Amino acid sequence: MTVRLQIVYGKLSIRSVRNAFEESVGKKLRKFEGSDNKEVLQQFTSLFKDEYKIPQGSIIDLSRERGHVLRTTIDGNEVGNIQSKALCRSILELYIGDDPFDRKAKEDVELNLASILKN
């Protein structure tokens, strides 16, 4: 399963992305892991290095693979893998959980999934 984020704002910095993930993913990790999440959160946020540029149209893919490995790519270039069930769960919960980051996106996923299951 992959969460794909497309950058629509032209002046977004990688630092802003890193900080947003630190806050939002950190909150979800605390929900699932309690306070024992700092190392995995730091591993994840450190993938978003300052040298990466994310101009408008850039795509960040967060893919859960076998063995609870989260593979992160920016514009098709792999930036890292982290094995963590809690991190994978936190990313999915952030976008399609009970309190999603973007309700409209979650509704779109639900509609698309329903149409796939009907066929």
Protein backbone atom coordinates (compact mmCIF):
# COMPACT_ATOMS: atom_id res chain seq x y z
CA MET A 1 0.00 0.00 0.00
CA THR A 2 1.29 3.45 -0.91
CA VAL A 3 0.38 6.92 0.26
CA ARG A 4 1.29 9.37 -2.51
CA LEU A 5 1.68 13.02 -1.70
CA GLN A 6 1.95 15.53 -4.53
CA ILE A 7 3.36 18.95 -3.73
CA VAL A 8 0.99 21.66 -4.98
CA TYR A 9 2.57 24.66 -3.27
CA GLY A 10 5.56 26.01 -5.17
CA LYS A 11 7.55 27.39 -2.24
CA LEU A 12 7.37 24.45 0.16
CA SER A 13 10.70 23.52 1.69
CA ILE A 14 11.82 20.04 2.65
CA ARG A 15 12.29 21.41 6.17
CA SER A 16 8.55 22.21 6.31
CA VAL A 17 7.73 18.68 5.15
CA ARG A 18 10.09 17.21 7.74
CA ASN A 19 8.58 19.35 10.52
CA ALA A 20 5.01 18.46 9.49
CA PHE A 21 5.85 14.75 9.51
CA GLU A 22 7.62 15.09 12.85
CA GLU A 23 4.50 16.58 14.41
CA SER A 24 1.79 14.51 12.71
CA VAL A 25 3.53 11.13 12.53
CA GLY A 26 4.95 11.69 16.01
CA LYS A 27 1.43 12.16 17.37
CA LYS A 28 0.24 8.91 15.72
CA LEU A 29 3.31 7.01 16.93
CA ARG A 30 2.63 8.14 20.50
CA LYS A 31 -0.91 6.83 20.08
CA PHE A 32 0.36 3.35 19.13
CA GLU A 33 3.72 3.15 20.91
CA GLY A 34 3.43 5.51 23.86
CA SER A 35 6.57 7.53 24.48
CA ASP A 36 8.92 4.87 23.05
CA ASN A 37 8.94 6.28 19.53
CA LYS A 38 11.69 8.88 19.36
CA GLU A 39 14.21 6.67 17.58
CA VAL A 40 11.90 5.53 14.78
CA LEU A 41 10.49 9.06 14.38
CA GLN A 42 14.03 10.47 14.13
CA GLN A 43 14.97 7.79 11.57
CA PHE A 44 11.92 8.68 9.49
CA THR A 45 12.26 12.46 9.61
CA SER A 46 16.02 12.28 8.91
CA LEU A 47 15.15 10.82 5.48
CA PHE A 48 13.99 14.29 4.43
CA LYS A 49 17.42 15.88 4.07
CA ASP A 50 17.89 19.58 3.34
CA GLU A 51 19.58 18.85 0.00
CA TYR A 52 16.34 17.43 -1.45
CA LYS A 53 14.37 19.91 -3.47
CA ILE A 54 10.61 19.55 -3.75
CA PRO A 55 9.32 21.97 -6.36
CA GLN A 56 5.64 22.15 -7.25
CA GLY A 57 4.56 18.81 -8.74
CA SER A 58 7.06 16.72 -6.76
CA ILE A 59 5.77 13.38 -5.52
CA ILE A 60 6.57 11.77 -2.19
CA ASP A 61 5.60 8.08 -1.97
CA LEU A 62 5.38 6.32 1.38
CA SER A 63 4.99 2.59 0.64
CA ARG A 64 4.41 -0.19 3.13
CA GLU A 65 6.10 -3.35 1.94
CA ARG A 66 6.34 -6.88 3.30
CA GLY A 67 7.70 -7.16 6.81
CA HIS A 68 6.36 -3.72 7.79
CA VAL A 69 9.04 -1.88 5.83
CA LEU A 70 8.23 1.73 4.96
CA ARG A 71 9.94 2.68 1.70
CA THR A 72 10.15 6.40 1.02
CA THR A 73 10.78 7.91 -2.41
CA ILE A 74 10.88 11.47 -3.67
CA ASP A 75 10.17 11.84 -7.39
CA GLY A 76 10.90 8.15 -7.88
CA ASN A 77 14.28 8.25 -6.11
CA GLU A 78 14.47 6.07 -3.04
CA VAL A 79 15.56 8.03 0.03
CA GLY A 80 15.32 5.23 2.59
CA ASN A 81 13.62 2.24 4.20
CA ILE A 82 12.62 1.77 7.80
CA GLN A 83 11.27 -1.43 9.29
CA SER A 84 8.63 -0.54 11.86
CA LYS A 85 5.09 -1.82 12.21
CA ALA A 86 4.15 1.24 14.29
CA LEU A 87 5.55 3.66 11.68
CA CYS A 88 3.69 1.94 8.82
CA ARG A 89 0.49 1.95 10.84
CA SER A 90 0.96 5.61 11.81
CA ILE A 91 1.37 6.73 8.19
CA LEU A 92 -1.77 4.89 7.08
CA GLU A 93 -3.72 6.11 10.11
CA LEU A 94 -2.68 9.68 9.31
CA TYR A 95 -4.32 9.53 5.89
CA ILE A 96 -7.10 6.93 6.11
CA GLY A 97 -7.71 6.53 9.85
CA ASP A 98 -10.55 7.77 12.05
CA ASP A 99 -9.20 11.33 12.13
CA PRO A 100 -7.49 11.74 8.73
CA PHE A 101 -5.28 14.63 7.71
CA ASP A 102 -7.54 15.17 4.66
CA ARG A 103 -11.14 13.94 4.96
CA LYS A 104 -11.85 14.44 1.24
CA ALA A 105 -8.87 12.28 0.30
CA LYS A 106 -10.07 9.55 2.67
CA GLU A 107 -13.55 9.68 1.12
CA ASP A 108 -12.01 9.38 -2.36
CA VAL A 109 -10.02 6.31 -1.24
CA GLU A 110 -13.16 4.74 0.21
CA LEU A 111 -15.15 5.37 -2.99
CA ASN A 112 -12.38 3.98 -5.19
CA LEU A 113 -11.99 0.93 -2.98
CA ALA A 114 -15.74 0.31 -3.02
CA SER A 115 -15.83 0.49 -6.83
CA ILE A 116 -12.89 -1.96 -7.08
CA LEU A 117 -14.60 -4.41 -4.73
CA LYS A 118 -17.84 -4.23 -6.72
CA ASN A 119 -16.13 -5.36 -9.93
